[in-house]
C-alpha atoms as a PDB file:
ATOM      1  CA  MET A   1     104.156  92.033  79.890  1.00  0.00           C
ATOM      2  CA  SER A   2     100.763  91.238  81.394  1.00  0.00           C
ATOM      3  CA  GLU A   3      99.822  91.440  85.038  1.00  0.00           C
ATOM      4  CA  TRP A   4      97.476  88.558  85.861  1.00  0.00           C
ATOM      5  CA  ILE A   5      94.435  89.511  87.944  1.00  0.00           C
ATOM      6  CA  ALA A   6      92.006  86.992  89.467  1.00  0.00           C
ATOM      7  CA  ALA A   7      88.601  87.907  88.029  1.00  0.00           C
ATOM      8  CA  CYS A   8      86.241  85.170  89.231  1.00  0.00           C
ATOM      9  CA  ALA A   9      85.843  81.479  89.882  1.00  0.00           C
ATOM     10  CA  VAL A  10      85.289  79.195  86.903  1.00  0.00           C
ATOM     11  CA  ASP A  11      81.903  78.224  88.361  1.00  0.00           C
ATOM     12  CA  ASP A  12      80.771  81.884  88.515  1.00  0.00           C
ATOM     13  CA  ILE A  13      80.042  81.887  84.768  1.00  0.00           C
ATOM     14  CA  ASP A  14      77.635  79.538  83.043  1.00  0.00           C
ATOM     15  CA  PRO A  15      78.421  78.409  79.497  1.00  0.00           C
ATOM     16  CA  GLU A  16      77.261  80.994  76.934  1.00  0.00           C
ATOM     17  CA  ASP A  17      77.175  83.802  79.511  1.00  0.00           C
ATOM     18  CA  VAL A  18      79.032  86.965  80.577  1.00  0.00           C
ATOM     19  CA  ILE A  19      79.764  88.602  83.929  1.00  0.00           C
ATOM     20  CA  PRO A  20      81.291  91.969  84.828  1.00  0.00           C
ATOM     21  CA  PHE A  21      84.651  92.431  86.517  1.00  0.00           C
ATOM     22  CA  ARG A  22      86.119  95.734  87.749  1.00  0.00           C
ATOM     23  CA  HIS A  23      89.766  96.353  88.610  1.00  0.00           C
ATOM     24  CA  ASP A  24      91.399  99.717  89.408  1.00  0.00           C
ATOM     25  CA  GLY A  25      88.415 101.616  87.994  1.00  0.00           C
ATOM     26  CA  VAL A  26      88.396  99.692  84.700  1.00  0.00           C
ATOM     27  CA  ASP A  27      85.437  97.528  83.665  1.00  0.00           C
ATOM     28  CA  TYR A  28      85.914  94.172  81.943  1.00  0.00           C
ATOM     29  CA  ALA A  29      83.517  91.537  80.644  1.00  0.00           C
ATOM     30  CA  VAL A  30      84.377  87.873  81.227  1.00  0.00           C
ATOM     31  CA  TYR A  31      82.745  85.257  78.988  1.00  0.00           C
ATOM     32  CA  ARG A  32      82.354  81.498  78.925  1.00  0.00           C
ATOM     33  CA  SER A  33      81.774  80.031  75.494  1.00  0.00           C
ATOM     34  CA  PRO A  34      79.323  77.184  74.811  1.00  0.00           C
ATOM     35  CA  GLN A  35      82.432  74.935  74.629  1.00  0.00           C
ATOM     36  CA  GLY A  36      83.559  76.028  78.126  1.00  0.00           C
ATOM     37  CA  GLU A  37      86.433  78.311  77.049  1.00  0.00           C
ATOM     38  CA  PHE A  38      86.933  81.661  78.788  1.00  0.00           C
ATOM     39  CA  PHE A  39      87.499  85.085  77.206  1.00  0.00           C
ATOM     40  CA  ALA A  40      87.732  88.700  78.377  1.00  0.00           C
ATOM     41  CA  THR A  41      87.046  92.019  76.684  1.00  0.00           C
ATOM     42  CA  ALA A  42      86.639  95.656  77.622  1.00  0.00           C
ATOM     43  CA  GLY A  43      83.473  96.000  79.668  1.00  0.00           C
ATOM     44  CA  HIS A  44      81.669  98.605  77.559  1.00  0.00           C
ATOM     45  CA  CYS A  45      80.365  98.759  74.003  1.00  0.00           C
ATOM     46  CA  THR A  46      82.519 100.902  71.720  1.00  0.00           C
ATOM     47  CA  HIS A  47      79.409 102.607  70.302  1.00  0.00           C
ATOM     48  CA  GLU A  48      77.844 104.311  73.335  1.00  0.00           C
ATOM     49  CA  ARG A  49      79.741 102.766  76.257  1.00  0.00           C
ATOM     50  CA  MET A  50      76.884 100.589  77.521  1.00  0.00           C
ATOM     51  CA  PRO A  51      77.907  97.779  79.919  1.00  0.00           C
ATOM     52  CA  LEU A  52      78.243  94.581  77.908  1.00  0.00           C
ATOM     53  CA  CYS A  53      77.522  92.418  80.965  1.00  0.00           C
ATOM     54  CA  ASP A  54      73.858  93.401  80.478  1.00  0.00           C
ATOM     55  CA  GLY A  55      73.947  92.095  76.905  1.00  0.00           C
ATOM     56  CA  LEU A  56      72.904  88.823  75.348  1.00  0.00           C
ATOM     57  CA  VAL A  57      75.491  86.104  74.651  1.00  0.00           C
ATOM     58  CA  MET A  58      74.798  83.818  71.682  1.00  0.00           C
ATOM     59  CA  ASP A  59      77.467  81.360  70.593  1.00  0.00           C
ATOM     60  CA  ASN A  60      80.639  83.519  70.398  1.00  0.00           C
ATOM     61  CA  THR A  61      78.783  86.830  70.095  1.00  0.00           C
ATOM     62  CA  ILE A  62      77.872  89.482  72.652  1.00  0.00           C
ATOM     63  CA  GLU A  63      74.992  91.803  71.752  1.00  0.00           C
ATOM     64  CA  CYS A  64      74.947  95.256  73.326  1.00  0.00           C
ATOM     65  CA  PRO A  65      71.726  95.847  75.287  1.00  0.00           C
ATOM     66  CA  LYS A  66      71.157  99.395  73.942  1.00  0.00           C
ATOM     67  CA  HIS A  67      71.357  99.324  70.132  1.00  0.00           C
ATOM     68  CA  ASN A  68      71.932  95.611  69.506  1.00  0.00           C
ATOM     69  CA  GLY A  69      75.451  96.096  68.199  1.00  0.00           C
ATOM     70  CA  ARG A  70      77.347  92.810  68.142  1.00  0.00           C
ATOM     71  CA  PHE A  71      80.923  91.724  68.716  1.00  0.00           C
ATOM     72  CA  ASP A  72      82.750  88.435  68.439  1.00  0.00           C
ATOM     73  CA  TYR A  73      84.006  88.262  72.016  1.00  0.00           C
ATOM     74  CA  THR A  74      86.715  85.745  71.084  1.00  0.00           C
ATOM     75  CA  THR A  75      88.457  88.299  68.831  1.00  0.00           C
ATOM     76  CA  GLY A  76      86.805  91.625  69.743  1.00  0.00           C
ATOM     77  CA  LYS A  77      85.776  92.109  66.105  1.00  0.00           C
ATOM     78  CA  ALA A  78      82.790  94.439  65.581  1.00  0.00           C
ATOM     79  CA  ALA A  79      80.084  92.667  63.582  1.00  0.00           C
ATOM     80  CA  GLY A  80      78.509  95.708  61.917  1.00  0.00           C
ATOM     81  CA  ALA A  81      76.538  98.897  62.515  1.00  0.00           C
ATOM     82  CA  PRO A  82      76.017 100.552  64.832  1.00  0.00           C
ATOM     83  CA  VAL A  83      79.313  99.241  66.246  1.00  0.00           C
ATOM     84  CA  LEU A  84      82.266  99.965  63.989  1.00  0.00           C
ATOM     85  CA  VAL A  85      85.176  99.921  66.464  1.00  0.00           C
ATOM     86  CA  ASP A  86      86.455  96.561  67.702  1.00  0.00           C
ATOM     87  CA  LEU A  87      86.515  95.671  71.410  1.00  0.00           C
ATOM     88  CA  ARG A  88      89.803  95.362  73.225  1.00  0.00           C
ATOM     89  CA  THR A  89      90.447  91.765  74.263  1.00  0.00           C
ATOM     90  CA  PHE A  90      92.615  90.396  77.061  1.00  0.00           C
ATOM     91  CA  PRO A  91      94.393  87.074  77.542  1.00  0.00           C
ATOM     92  CA  VAL A  92      92.799  84.635  79.972  1.00  0.00           C
ATOM     93  CA  LYS A  93      94.236  81.729  81.919  1.00  0.00           C
ATOM     94  CA  ILE A  94      92.691  79.308  84.398  1.00  0.00           C
ATOM     95  CA  GLU A  95      94.570  78.347  87.561  1.00  0.00           C
ATOM     96  CA  ASP A  96      93.135  76.315  90.438  1.00  0.00           C
ATOM     97  CA  GLY A  97      89.541  76.956  89.364  1.00  0.00           C
ATOM     98  CA  THR A  98      90.054  80.735  89.041  1.00  0.00           C
ATOM     99  CA  VAL A  99      89.787  82.820  85.870  1.00  0.00           C
ATOM    100  CA  HIS A 100      92.674  85.284  85.534  1.00  0.00           C
ATOM    101  CA  ILE A 101      92.802  88.201  83.084  1.00  0.00           C
ATOM    102  CA  GLY A 102      96.084  89.516  81.701  1.00  0.00           C
ATOM    103  CA  ILE A 103      96.068  93.302  81.904  1.00  0.00           C
ATOM    104  CA  GLY A 104      98.729  95.924  81.278  1.00  0.00           C
END
């Protein structure tokens, strides 16, 4: 069962962008797709643990700022070398203009 944590306001993230969120010492990345949907993943690249919030968002892809590894942030799927391990994803819901992440 997920615990829902308020991560940010809907207006804090522009379409096709990512912001960081930290809760209980764990880093998350919160995304807004070009279509206005919200997603959340682990906050660091699975290759060398670089913060993904410093990466480039293009369509439904986040590119790691260090070695340009890419992930589909909607599914967490690694898109090829150097990243080979998928990202953990988390459920997201919107309530009263706030983005909540399901953790646990």
